[in-house]
Each structure stands twice: as C-alpha cells, then as structure tokens.
Amino acid sequence: MLYDVTLSVRYAYALSAAAARMHLRMMPGNGPAQRLVSGLLQADPAPAFRRDRVDFFGNALTEMAYDAPLDTVDFRFTGRIRRDDLPKELDLSCALADMRRELAEVPSLAPDAPHHFLGASDRVVPVPSITAFSRGITRLDQPVLTVVEAISRALHEEITFDPTATDVTTDPATAFANRRGVCQDISHIMIAALRGIGIPAGYVSGFLRTEPPEGQPRLAGADAMHAWVRAWCGNEVGWIEIDPTNDMRVGADHISVAIGRDYADVAPVKGSLRSSGFHSTRHSVDVIPVEERTPVEAVGRSNTD
C-alpha cells in the first residue's frame, strides 16, 4: 500500500523565544514491511543551524537551532511511504518461564538488542499494580507471543480511550489507576506490563490510517499521530509489533516513524528555548492512500488518454 503523508507541527509563543534548539523525529524510516519512497522535512522560519543524522535506535533525527527571536515556528514533513502487511507467523515463541534463558543467549548490545528494552526508562518504571495485573492473566507455561496478545486484549477491554483524561506528562501508574487514557498511555501501560514479567518491550510512534464515517468525506488533518508497542518474543520469533489501543497486530495501515524505550525517545519535537509566558501547539496529520496501477494499466491509460 502506498500512502502520501503530511505531518504539520506548529508552535506559537506568547512572548518571543530568544533562542531555541530542537530535535525532530518526524521522518518515517525503512523497515521489514515499510519503505520511505520520498520525504522532505522543512521548517518555517528556516533555522540558523540544521543537521540530519540517525540516532542510537536508527531513527531519522534532525537537529535545528535558532539564534533569532522566534514568535512561531512550523515544522512540516511530506512524503510517500510504501507499507505492506507482514505474513502471520507461527507461534514459535518460547514459554514465558524460559525468557530469562533466551535473553542470556543474546550477547549483543546493538540498538535492536532486547536488553535495552527490559529495565526502567525515562517514562516507564516498574509499577507493582500493573505487574500484578499481568501476572493475573498469564501463566509461565504460555508462549510469550500468546502472553503479549493476552495482555493487549485485556488492556483494550480494561482501559477506556479518553483524550480528556490525560496529557503528554501523565505517567502509566496514574493512567492505569484511572483506567482511562489515549494511545500513548495505553502503550506505556502495556510496556510496563510486559517488562514487569520479564518481556522486553518498546514504544513505536507513527501514523494510523483512519476511515471517515460511511457516506461522509474525509476531512483534512483527520488522522493523528499514533503509538503502539513492540515486544521481543524470544530468539525464534524476535520482535513483533502490536497495537493495544485497538487490540490488533500492526499491519499495512500502520506507518512507523520512530522506535524507542518510551515516548521520551521518540517525541516528534523535543528541545529547549529561552522564553517566558505561555505557548501553544497544533498538530495535523494526513494519511492518504495512493491509487496504484500495474505497468500494463499505466501504459494502457496513457495510450487511451
């Protein structure tokens, strides 16, 4: 499936910011079922300094700095991405009881190694109530992939999606206690739930194509940034991705932007500035499917036209 994607982020400051330095993770990358066909990341006004590189986890990272007064700044990614479904694999994952042995057989500390995704991170620390929840719905003799899917299903049933209940700073313990939150909260809760019983888990930011109600036109900016979970299911299966907000395996409608241990590693815009007073922010996302034609169809259309 081909998609044309636009992500716009706008910041407006009540009082001019004297200087600012920012890290942007807005450019989707390539993966087993995803390819960035083309992409452009722009800023208005243009920064005094810009450097494009790759961070530790392999995400596209753009550093920008401003040294002149800044009242508003707009960041905009436009690109075309090919996203395919991954084939449904057999559940060859180890038993949950064998996860410690499986981890010991991984000597690597490369960015994709499961060891980076097992302990506490900036936004996800051990939460006894969440660990107890995980243990209450799983067994040590179950395959790890089965455990991951069971926790996703339970959280989908347990947590009410409520965009008014939390904000970007809400911790997983609070969201879990209130049983309300958005995709960021539900993903953080699931990461805590998996790590609490010894399963390495990480955070994925990206886009999810949404469909308008039947009979209504699609609205510009109707899509939003989404979040889901990647879990390591042992040496045989490796990493899988699952969307606990919707209780579904990640597929062709999910476009990955960045992976990390939690939201702190993948925030689309993160930085510091010298300013005072309030600021506002606005995000807009469009994910538009592109009609694909085979070469024969394309030639036939050209000859006809």
C-alpha atoms as a PDB file:
ATOM      1  CA  MET A   1       0.000   0.000   0.000  1.00  0.00           C
ATOM      2  CA  LEU A   2       1.275   3.459  -0.918  1.00  0.00           C
ATOM      3  CA  TYR A   3       0.481   6.471   1.250  1.00  0.00           C
ATOM      4  CA  ASP A   4       1.083  10.189   0.884  1.00  0.00           C
ATOM      5  CA  VAL A   5       1.664  11.535   4.387  1.00  0.00           C
ATOM      6  CA  THR A   6       1.779  15.075   5.740  1.00  0.00           C
ATOM      7  CA  LEU A   7       2.639  15.903   9.349  1.00  0.00           C
ATOM      8  CA  SER A   8       2.484  19.535  10.453  1.00  0.00           C
ATOM      9  CA  VAL A   9       3.516  20.798  13.884  1.00  0.00           C
ATOM     10  CA  ARG A  10       3.165  24.470  14.812  1.00  0.00           C
ATOM     11  CA  TYR A  11       4.399  26.235  17.949  1.00  0.00           C
ATOM     12  CA  ALA A  12       3.323  29.773  18.864  1.00  0.00           C
ATOM     13  CA  TYR A  13       4.897  31.696  21.764  1.00  0.00           C
ATOM     14  CA  ALA A  14       3.129  34.412  23.770  1.00  0.00           C
ATOM     15  CA  LEU A  15       6.489  36.156  24.155  1.00  0.00           C
ATOM     16  CA  SER A  16       9.250  35.745  21.621  1.00  0.00           C
ATOM     17  CA  ALA A  17      11.728  32.976  22.310  1.00  0.00           C
ATOM     18  CA  ALA A  18      15.237  34.427  22.263  1.00  0.00           C
ATOM     19  CA  ALA A  19      16.842  31.166  21.157  1.00  0.00           C
ATOM     20  CA  ALA A  20      15.864  27.552  20.662  1.00  0.00           C
ATOM     21  CA  ARG A  21      17.422  24.176  19.943  1.00  0.00           C
ATOM     22  CA  MET A  22      15.243  21.253  18.906  1.00  0.00           C
ATOM     23  CA  HIS A  23      15.391  17.579  17.972  1.00  0.00           C
ATOM     24  CA  LEU A  24      12.830  16.405  15.414  1.00  0.00           C
ATOM     25  CA  ARG A  25      11.814  12.799  14.825  1.00  0.00           C
ATOM     26  CA  MET A  26       9.184  13.269  12.128  1.00  0.00           C
ATOM     27  CA  MET A  27      10.672  11.384   9.165  1.00  0.00           C
ATOM     28  CA  PRO A  28       9.482   7.751   8.765  1.00  0.00           C
ATOM     29  CA  GLY A  29      12.194   5.222   8.107  1.00  0.00           C
ATOM     30  CA  ASN A  30      12.594   1.862   6.394  1.00  0.00           C
ATOM     31  CA  GLY A  31      11.779  -1.482   7.937  1.00  0.00           C
ATOM     32  CA  PRO A  32      10.881  -5.085   7.113  1.00  0.00           C
ATOM     33  CA  ALA A  33       7.491  -4.042   5.683  1.00  0.00           C
ATOM     34  CA  GLN A  34       7.994  -0.320   5.137  1.00  0.00           C
ATOM     35  CA  ARG A  35       9.939   1.826   2.672  1.00  0.00           C
ATOM     36  CA  LEU A  36      10.298   5.583   2.530  1.00  0.00           C
ATOM     37  CA  VAL A  37       9.868   6.340  -1.181  1.00  0.00           C
ATOM     38  CA  SER A  38      10.430  10.075  -0.789  1.00  0.00           C
ATOM     39  CA  GLY A  39      10.384  12.554   2.065  1.00  0.00           C
ATOM     40  CA  LEU A  40      11.068  16.193   2.912  1.00  0.00           C
ATOM     41  CA  LEU A  41      11.232  17.850   6.324  1.00  0.00           C
ATOM     42  CA  GLN A  42      11.018  21.657   6.325  1.00  0.00           C
ATOM     43  CA  ALA A  43      10.906  24.409   8.941  1.00  0.00           C
ATOM     44  CA  ASP A  44       9.485  27.924   8.708  1.00  0.00           C
ATOM     45  CA  PRO A  45      11.331  30.082   9.531  1.00  0.00           C
ATOM     46  CA  ALA A  46      14.484  28.318   8.396  1.00  0.00           C
ATOM     47  CA  PRO A  47      16.854  27.517  11.283  1.00  0.00           C
ATOM     48  CA  ALA A  48      20.276  29.070  11.737  1.00  0.00           C
ATOM     49  CA  PHE A  49      21.702  25.546  12.096  1.00  0.00           C
ATOM     50  CA  ARG A  50      20.483  22.176  10.854  1.00  0.00           C
ATOM     51  CA  ARG A  51      21.991  18.705  10.954  1.00  0.00           C
ATOM     52  CA  ASP A  52      20.343  15.468   9.797  1.00  0.00           C
ATOM     53  CA  ARG A  53      21.568  12.213  11.278  1.00  0.00           C
ATOM     54  CA  VAL A  54      20.433   8.875  12.720  1.00  0.00           C
ATOM     55  CA  ASP A  55      20.006   8.347  16.463  1.00  0.00           C
ATOM     56  CA  PHE A  56      21.059   5.305  18.506  1.00  0.00           C
ATOM     57  CA  PHE A  57      17.896   3.337  17.683  1.00  0.00           C
ATOM     58  CA  GLY A  58      18.170   4.051  13.953  1.00  0.00           C
ATOM     59  CA  ASN A  59      15.540   6.783  13.798  1.00  0.00           C
ATOM     60  CA  ALA A  60      15.933   9.750  11.452  1.00  0.00           C
ATOM     61  CA  LEU A  61      16.865  12.693  13.686  1.00  0.00           C
ATOM     62  CA  THR A  62      17.047  16.355  12.636  1.00  0.00           C
ATOM     63  CA  GLU A  63      18.725  18.882  14.905  1.00  0.00           C
ATOM     64  CA  MET A  64      17.742  22.538  14.470  1.00  0.00           C
ATOM     65  CA  ALA A  65      18.829  25.700  16.266  1.00  0.00           C
ATOM     66  CA  TYR A  66      17.500  29.257  16.188  1.00  0.00           C
ATOM     67  CA  ASP A  67      19.502  32.251  17.401  1.00  0.00           C
ATOM     68  CA  ALA A  68      16.988  34.998  16.450  1.00  0.00           C
ATOM     69  CA  PRO A  69      13.700  35.883  18.194  1.00  0.00           C
ATOM     70  CA  LEU A  70      11.035  33.308  17.442  1.00  0.00           C
ATOM     71  CA  ASP A  71       7.291  34.034  17.653  1.00  0.00           C
ATOM     72  CA  THR A  72       6.043  30.993  15.753  1.00  0.00           C
ATOM     73  CA  VAL A  73       7.689  28.024  14.108  1.00  0.00           C
ATOM     74  CA  ASP A  74       6.186  25.467  11.736  1.00  0.00           C
ATOM     75  CA  PHE A  75       7.648  22.027  11.063  1.00  0.00           C
ATOM     76  CA  ARG A  76       6.267  20.043   8.144  1.00  0.00           C
ATOM     77  CA  PHE A  77       7.019  16.568   6.838  1.00  0.00           C
ATOM     78  CA  THR A  78       5.663  15.493   3.458  1.00  0.00           C
ATOM     79  CA  GLY A  79       6.456  12.150   1.933  1.00  0.00           C
ATOM     80  CA  ARG A  80       5.371   8.942   0.254  1.00  0.00           C
ATOM     81  CA  ILE A  81       5.650   5.627   2.089  1.00  0.00           C
ATOM     82  CA  ARG A  82       5.083   2.065   0.973  1.00  0.00           C
ATOM     83  CA  ARG A  83       3.698  -0.111   3.744  1.00  0.00           C
ATOM     84  CA  ASP A  84       2.918  -3.811   3.400  1.00  0.00           C
ATOM     85  CA  ASP A  85       1.371  -6.400   5.672  1.00  0.00           C
ATOM     86  CA  LEU A  86       3.679  -8.851   7.375  1.00  0.00           C
ATOM     87  CA  PRO A  87       2.725 -12.516   6.976  1.00  0.00           C
ATOM     88  CA  LYS A  88       1.146 -14.084  10.036  1.00  0.00           C
ATOM     89  CA  GLU A  89       3.874 -16.163  11.655  1.00  0.00           C
ATOM     90  CA  LEU A  90       3.533 -19.402  13.583  1.00  0.00           C
ATOM     91  CA  ASP A  91       3.792 -19.003  17.328  1.00  0.00           C
ATOM     92  CA  LEU A  92       7.253 -20.467  17.843  1.00  0.00           C
ATOM     93  CA  SER A  93       7.996 -18.247  20.826  1.00  0.00           C
ATOM     94  CA  CYS A  94       9.467 -19.715  23.974  1.00  0.00           C
ATOM     95  CA  ALA A  95       7.488 -20.202  27.162  1.00  0.00           C
ATOM     96  CA  LEU A  96       7.383 -17.196  29.468  1.00  0.00           C
ATOM     97  CA  ALA A  97       9.277 -19.245  32.051  1.00  0.00           C
ATOM     98  CA  ASP A  98      12.190 -19.584  29.583  1.00  0.00           C
ATOM     99  CA  MET A  99      12.523 -15.886  28.761  1.00  0.00           C
ATOM    100  CA  ARG A 100      15.482 -15.332  31.087  1.00  0.00           C
ATOM    101  CA  ARG A 101      17.406 -18.135  29.391  1.00  0.00           C
ATOM    102  CA  GLU A 102      16.529 -16.763  25.943  1.00  0.00           C
ATOM    103  CA  LEU A 103      17.817 -13.316  26.922  1.00  0.00           C
ATOM    104  CA  ALA A 104      21.061 -14.812  28.237  1.00  0.00           C
ATOM    105  CA  GLU A 105      21.680 -16.266  24.780  1.00  0.00           C
ATOM    106  CA  VAL A 106      21.740 -12.781  23.228  1.00  0.00           C
ATOM    107  CA  PRO A 107      25.308 -11.419  23.680  1.00  0.00           C
ATOM    108  CA  SER A 108      24.739  -8.296  21.588  1.00  0.00           C
ATOM    109  CA  LEU A 109      24.163  -4.748  22.820  1.00  0.00           C
ATOM    110  CA  ALA A 110      23.333  -3.463  19.331  1.00  0.00           C
ATOM    111  CA  PRO A 111      20.474  -0.931  19.157  1.00  0.00           C
ATOM    112  CA  ASP A 112      17.915  -3.663  18.434  1.00  0.00           C
ATOM    113  CA  ALA A 113      19.080  -5.941  21.274  1.00  0.00           C
ATOM    114  CA  PRO A 114      16.294  -6.786  23.749  1.00  0.00           C
ATOM    115  CA  HIS A 115      18.426  -5.856  26.759  1.00  0.00           C
ATOM    116  CA  HIS A 116      17.848  -2.116  26.129  1.00  0.00           C
ATOM    117  CA  PHE A 117      14.094  -2.618  26.464  1.00  0.00           C
ATOM    118  CA  LEU A 118      13.821  -4.594  29.691  1.00  0.00           C
ATOM    119  CA  GLY A 119      14.624  -2.189  32.529  1.00  0.00           C
ATOM    120  CA  ALA A 120      13.173   1.121  33.641  1.00  0.00           C
ATOM    121  CA  SER A 121      13.275   4.021  31.187  1.00  0.00           C
ATOM    122  CA  ASP A 122      12.501   7.724  31.414  1.00  0.00           C
ATOM    123  CA  ARG A 123       8.699   7.390  31.163  1.00  0.00           C
ATOM    124  CA  VAL A 124       8.176   3.749  32.185  1.00  0.00           C
ATOM    125  CA  VAL A 125       9.259   2.455  35.578  1.00  0.00           C
ATOM    126  CA  PRO A 126       8.105  -0.698  37.418  1.00  0.00           C
ATOM    127  CA  VAL A 127       4.525  -0.359  38.665  1.00  0.00           C
ATOM    128  CA  PRO A 128       3.513  -3.128  41.113  1.00  0.00           C
ATOM    129  CA  SER A 129      -0.204  -2.875  40.295  1.00  0.00           C
ATOM    130  CA  ILE A 130       0.457  -3.235  36.568  1.00  0.00           C
ATOM    131  CA  THR A 131       2.821  -6.189  37.118  1.00  0.00           C
ATOM    132  CA  ALA A 132       0.193  -7.874  39.296  1.00  0.00           C
ATOM    133  CA  PHE A 133      -2.369  -7.310  36.557  1.00  0.00           C
ATOM    134  CA  SER A 134      -0.097  -9.046  34.030  1.00  0.00           C
ATOM    135  CA  ARG A 135       0.573 -11.991  36.298  1.00  0.00           C
ATOM    136  CA  GLY A 136      -3.128 -12.392  36.979  1.00  0.00           C
ATOM    137  CA  ILE A 137      -4.000 -13.019  33.330  1.00  0.00           C
ATOM    138  CA  THR A 138      -0.973 -15.066  32.194  1.00  0.00           C
ATOM    139  CA  ARG A 139       0.845 -18.284  33.037  1.00  0.00           C
ATOM    140  CA  LEU A 140       4.537 -19.166  32.993  1.00  0.00           C
ATOM    141  CA  ASP A 141       3.928 -22.112  30.660  1.00  0.00           C
ATOM    142  CA  GLN A 142       2.297 -19.958  27.964  1.00  0.00           C
ATOM    143  CA  PRO A 143       4.234 -18.968  24.825  1.00  0.00           C
ATOM    144  CA  VAL A 144       5.460 -15.394  25.037  1.00  0.00           C
ATOM    145  CA  LEU A 145       3.575 -14.314  21.903  1.00  0.00           C
ATOM    146  CA  THR A 146       0.362 -15.657  23.434  1.00  0.00           C
ATOM    147  CA  VAL A 147       1.133 -13.701  26.608  1.00  0.00           C
ATOM    148  CA  VAL A 148       1.699 -10.482  24.639  1.00  0.00           C
ATOM    149  CA  GLU A 149      -1.592 -10.879  22.795  1.00  0.00           C
ATOM    150  CA  ALA A 150      -3.443 -11.677  26.032  1.00  0.00           C
ATOM    151  CA  ILE A 151      -2.159  -8.514  27.720  1.00  0.00           C
ATOM    152  CA  SER A 152      -3.089  -6.411  24.688  1.00  0.00           C
ATOM    153  CA  ARG A 153      -6.597  -7.855  24.690  1.00  0.00           C
ATOM    154  CA  ALA A 154      -7.031  -7.334  28.440  1.00  0.00           C
ATOM    155  CA  LEU A 155      -5.865  -3.708  28.325  1.00  0.00           C
ATOM    156  CA  HIS A 156      -8.117  -2.998  25.351  1.00  0.00           C
ATOM    157  CA  GLU A 157     -11.052  -4.224  27.433  1.00  0.00           C
ATOM    158  CA  GLU A 158      -9.891  -2.577  30.652  1.00  0.00           C
ATOM    159  CA  ILE A 159      -8.795   0.920  29.557  1.00  0.00           C
ATOM    160  CA  THR A 160     -11.304   3.444  28.189  1.00  0.00           C
ATOM    161  CA  PHE A 161      -9.955   5.622  25.390  1.00  0.00           C
ATOM    162  CA  ASP A 162     -10.454   9.174  26.684  1.00  0.00           C
ATOM    163  CA  PRO A 163      -8.460  12.106  25.201  1.00  0.00           C
ATOM    164  CA  THR A 164      -9.571  14.364  28.072  1.00  0.00           C
ATOM    165  CA  ALA A 165      -8.279  12.122  30.878  1.00  0.00           C
ATOM    166  CA  THR A 166      -4.518  12.578  30.451  1.00  0.00           C
ATOM    167  CA  ASP A 167      -1.851  14.762  28.917  1.00  0.00           C
ATOM    168  CA  VAL A 168       1.616  14.120  27.498  1.00  0.00           C
ATOM    169  CA  THR A 169       3.158  14.068  31.002  1.00  0.00           C
ATOM    170  CA  THR A 170       0.780  11.533  32.590  1.00  0.00           C
ATOM    171  CA  ASP A 171       2.618   8.513  33.983  1.00  0.00           C
ATOM    172  CA  PRO A 172       1.468   4.918  33.367  1.00  0.00           C
ATOM    173  CA  ALA A 173       0.595   4.308  37.024  1.00  0.00           C
ATOM    174  CA  THR A 174      -1.927   7.173  37.042  1.00  0.00           C
ATOM    175  CA  ALA A 175      -3.492   6.237  33.712  1.00  0.00           C
ATOM    176  CA  PHE A 176      -3.777   2.598  34.796  1.00  0.00           C
ATOM    177  CA  ALA A 177      -5.319   3.508  38.162  1.00  0.00           C
ATOM    178  CA  ASN A 178      -7.938   5.657  36.413  1.00  0.00           C
ATOM    179  CA  ARG A 179      -8.402   3.104  33.597  1.00  0.00           C
ATOM    180  CA  ARG A 180      -8.523   5.963  31.077  1.00  0.00           C
ATOM    181  CA  GLY A 181      -6.132   7.464  28.549  1.00  0.00           C
ATOM    182  CA  VAL A 182      -5.008   7.695  24.936  1.00  0.00           C
ATOM    183  CA  CYS A 183      -2.726   5.569  22.771  1.00  0.00           C
ATOM    184  CA  GLN A 184       0.415   6.946  24.448  1.00  0.00           C
ATOM    185  CA  ASP A 185      -0.899   5.975  27.887  1.00  0.00           C
ATOM    186  CA  ILE A 186      -2.137   2.547  26.810  1.00  0.00           C
ATOM    187  CA  SER A 187       1.191   1.796  25.116  1.00  0.00           C
ATOM    188  CA  HIS A 188       3.151   2.903  28.190  1.00  0.00           C
ATOM    189  CA  ILE A 189       0.936   0.744  30.406  1.00  0.00           C
ATOM    190  CA  MET A 190       1.490  -2.286  28.174  1.00  0.00           C
ATOM    191  CA  ILE A 191       5.255  -1.706  28.121  1.00  0.00           C
ATOM    192  CA  ALA A 192       5.240  -1.630  31.935  1.00  0.00           C
ATOM    193  CA  ALA A 193       3.051  -4.753  31.984  1.00  0.00           C
ATOM    194  CA  LEU A 194       5.424  -6.691  29.718  1.00  0.00           C
ATOM    195  CA  ARG A 195       8.656  -5.567  31.356  1.00  0.00           C
ATOM    196  CA  GLY A 196       7.161  -6.339  34.764  1.00  0.00           C
ATOM    197  CA  ILE A 197       7.016 -10.035  33.867  1.00  0.00           C
ATOM    198  CA  GLY A 198      10.361 -10.114  32.059  1.00  0.00           C
ATOM    199  CA  ILE A 199       9.391  -9.431  28.415  1.00  0.00           C
ATOM    200  CA  PRO A 200      11.430  -6.710  26.647  1.00  0.00           C
ATOM    201  CA  ALA A 201       9.119  -4.059  25.207  1.00  0.00           C
ATOM    202  CA  GLY A 202       9.494  -0.750  23.393  1.00  0.00           C
ATOM    203  CA  TYR A 203       7.456   2.161  22.081  1.00  0.00           C
ATOM    204  CA  VAL A 204       6.672   2.958  18.447  1.00  0.00           C
ATOM    205  CA  SER A 205       5.405   6.318  17.218  1.00  0.00           C
ATOM    206  CA  GLY A 206       3.752   6.599  13.849  1.00  0.00           C
ATOM    207  CA  PHE A 207       0.581   7.084  11.894  1.00  0.00           C
ATOM    208  CA  LEU A 208      -2.586   5.025  11.599  1.00  0.00           C
ATOM    209  CA  ARG A 209      -4.816   5.473   8.587  1.00  0.00           C
ATOM    210  CA  THR A 210      -8.370   6.268   9.669  1.00  0.00           C
ATOM    211  CA  GLU A 211     -11.557   5.958   7.679  1.00  0.00           C
ATOM    212  CA  PRO A 212     -14.324   8.632   7.765  1.00  0.00           C
ATOM    213  CA  PRO A 213     -17.875   7.604   8.729  1.00  0.00           C
ATOM    214  CA  GLU A 214     -19.725   5.944   5.859  1.00  0.00           C
ATOM    215  CA  GLY A 215     -21.130   8.460   3.420  1.00  0.00           C
ATOM    216  CA  GLN A 216     -19.031  11.360   4.725  1.00  0.00           C
ATOM    217  CA  PRO A 217     -15.995  12.916   3.003  1.00  0.00           C
ATOM    218  CA  ARG A 218     -12.570  12.522   4.522  1.00  0.00           C
ATOM    219  CA  LEU A 219     -11.503  15.644   6.438  1.00  0.00           C
ATOM    220  CA  ALA A 220      -8.047  17.168   6.007  1.00  0.00           C
ATOM    221  CA  GLY A 221      -5.975  16.639   9.141  1.00  0.00           C
ATOM    222  CA  ALA A 222      -8.331  13.955  10.431  1.00  0.00           C
ATOM    223  CA  ASP A 223      -5.532  11.491  11.120  1.00  0.00           C
ATOM    224  CA  ALA A 224      -3.320  11.831  14.159  1.00  0.00           C
ATOM    225  CA  MET A 225      -0.009  10.515  15.378  1.00  0.00           C
ATOM    226  CA  HIS A 226      -0.437   7.115  16.935  1.00  0.00           C
ATOM    227  CA  ALA A 227       1.546   4.877  19.266  1.00  0.00           C
ATOM    228  CA  TRP A 228       1.882   1.150  19.691  1.00  0.00           C
ATOM    229  CA  VAL A 229       4.169  -1.475  21.255  1.00  0.00           C
ATOM    230  CA  ARG A 230       6.966  -3.733  20.062  1.00  0.00           C
ATOM    231  CA  ALA A 231       7.678  -6.838  22.125  1.00  0.00           C
ATOM    232  CA  TRP A 232      10.563  -9.306  21.963  1.00  0.00           C
ATOM    233  CA  CYS A 233       9.206 -12.864  21.941  1.00  0.00           C
ATOM    234  CA  GLY A 234      12.427 -14.855  22.134  1.00  0.00           C
ATOM    235  CA  ASN A 235      15.191 -15.788  19.706  1.00  0.00           C
ATOM    236  CA  GLU A 236      12.981 -17.721  17.283  1.00  0.00           C
ATOM    237  CA  VAL A 237      10.292 -15.043  16.764  1.00  0.00           C
ATOM    238  CA  GLY A 238      12.203 -11.872  17.672  1.00  0.00           C
ATOM    239  CA  TRP A 239      10.358  -8.548  17.665  1.00  0.00           C
ATOM    240  CA  ILE A 240       6.655  -8.237  16.899  1.00  0.00           C
ATOM    241  CA  GLU A 241       4.501  -5.081  16.934  1.00  0.00           C
ATOM    242  CA  ILE A 242       1.029  -4.857  18.437  1.00  0.00           C
ATOM    243  CA  ASP A 243      -1.466  -2.015  18.848  1.00  0.00           C
ATOM    244  CA  PRO A 244      -3.124  -2.375  22.276  1.00  0.00           C
ATOM    245  CA  THR A 245      -5.341   0.679  21.763  1.00  0.00           C
ATOM    246  CA  ASN A 246      -7.145  -1.256  19.030  1.00  0.00           C
ATOM    247  CA  ASP A 247      -6.070  -4.764  20.132  1.00  0.00           C
ATOM    248  CA  MET A 248      -4.623  -5.694  16.754  1.00  0.00           C
ATOM    249  CA  ARG A 249      -1.338  -6.737  15.257  1.00  0.00           C
ATOM    250  CA  VAL A 250       0.329  -3.901  13.398  1.00  0.00           C
ATOM    251  CA  GLY A 251      -0.318  -4.070   9.668  1.00  0.00           C
ATOM    252  CA  ALA A 252      -0.483  -2.147   6.422  1.00  0.00           C
ATOM    253  CA  ASP A 253      -2.462   0.734   7.963  1.00  0.00           C
ATOM    254  CA  HIS A 254       0.330   1.477  10.473  1.00  0.00           C
ATOM    255  CA  ILE A 255       3.258   3.653   9.383  1.00  0.00           C
ATOM    256  CA  SER A 256       6.222   3.671  11.762  1.00  0.00           C
ATOM    257  CA  VAL A 257       8.142   6.901  12.407  1.00  0.00           C
ATOM    258  CA  ALA A 258      10.422   6.117  15.352  1.00  0.00           C
ATOM    259  CA  ILE A 259      11.128   3.423  17.937  1.00  0.00           C
ATOM    260  CA  GLY A 260      12.499   3.763  21.451  1.00  0.00           C
ATOM    261  CA  ARG A 261      12.123   2.671  25.035  1.00  0.00           C
ATOM    262  CA  ASP A 262       9.198   5.050  25.612  1.00  0.00           C
ATOM    263  CA  TYR A 263       7.788   8.362  24.362  1.00  0.00           C
ATOM    264  CA  ALA A 264      10.815  10.316  25.589  1.00  0.00           C
ATOM    265  CA  ASP A 265      12.945   8.581  22.944  1.00  0.00           C
ATOM    266  CA  VAL A 266      10.588   9.274  20.033  1.00  0.00           C
ATOM    267  CA  ALA A 267       8.833  12.618  20.671  1.00  0.00           C
ATOM    268  CA  PRO A 268       8.302  14.317  17.278  1.00  0.00           C
ATOM    269  CA  VAL A 269       9.652  17.619  18.616  1.00  0.00           C
ATOM    270  CA  LYS A 270      11.818  17.898  21.691  1.00  0.00           C
ATOM    271  CA  GLY A 271      14.149  20.664  22.799  1.00  0.00           C
ATOM    272  CA  SER A 272      14.808  23.751  24.863  1.00  0.00           C
ATOM    273  CA  LEU A 273      14.395  27.504  24.427  1.00  0.00           C
ATOM    274  CA  ARG A 274      14.887  30.779  26.247  1.00  0.00           C
ATOM    275  CA  SER A 275      11.488  32.357  26.769  1.00  0.00           C
ATOM    276  CA  SER A 276       8.770  33.188  29.270  1.00  0.00           C
ATOM    277  CA  GLY A 277       4.995  33.069  29.173  1.00  0.00           C
ATOM    278  CA  PHE A 278       2.742  30.508  27.582  1.00  0.00           C
ATOM    279  CA  HIS A 279       2.994  28.731  24.265  1.00  0.00           C
ATOM    280  CA  SER A 280       0.506  26.774  22.173  1.00  0.00           C
ATOM    281  CA  THR A 281       0.993  23.857  19.819  1.00  0.00           C
ATOM    282  CA  ARG A 282      -1.040  22.387  16.996  1.00  0.00           C
ATOM    283  CA  HIS A 283      -0.557  19.052  15.215  1.00  0.00           C
ATOM    284  CA  SER A 284      -2.133  17.934  11.961  1.00  0.00           C
ATOM    285  CA  VAL A 285      -1.720  14.640  10.111  1.00  0.00           C
ATOM    286  CA  ASP A 286      -2.977  13.425   6.749  1.00  0.00           C
ATOM    287  CA  VAL A 287      -2.505   9.833   5.574  1.00  0.00           C
ATOM    288  CA  ILE A 288      -3.844   9.488   2.040  1.00  0.00           C
ATOM    289  CA  PRO A 289      -3.841   6.141   0.199  1.00  0.00           C
ATOM    290  CA  VAL A 290      -2.374   6.431  -3.312  1.00  0.00           C
ATOM    291  CA  GLU A 291      -4.040   4.610  -6.163  1.00  0.00           C
ATOM    292  CA  GLU A 292      -1.581   2.077  -7.534  1.00  0.00           C
ATOM    293  CA  ARG A 293      -1.617   0.811 -11.113  1.00  0.00           C
ATOM    294  CA  THR A 294       0.361  -2.013 -12.668  1.00  0.00           C
ATOM    295  CA  PRO A 295       2.759  -1.031 -15.512  1.00  0.00           C
ATOM    296  CA  VAL A 296       0.331  -2.509 -18.076  1.00  0.00           C
ATOM    297  CA  GLU A 297      -2.561  -0.499 -16.672  1.00  0.00           C
ATOM    298  CA  ALA A 298      -0.446   2.643 -16.611  1.00  0.00           C
ATOM    299  CA  VAL A 299       0.608   2.251 -20.250  1.00  0.00           C
ATOM    300  CA  GLY A 300      -2.967   1.485 -21.300  1.00  0.00           C
ATOM    301  CA  ARG A 301      -4.251   4.594 -19.577  1.00  0.00           C
ATOM    302  CA  SER A 302      -1.559   6.731 -21.219  1.00  0.00           C
ATOM    303  CA  ASN A 303      -2.375   5.395 -24.702  1.00  0.00           C
ATOM    304  CA  THR A 304      -6.079   5.955 -24.153  1.00  0.00           C
ATOM    305  CA  ASP A 305      -5.577   9.478 -22.864  1.00  0.00           C
END
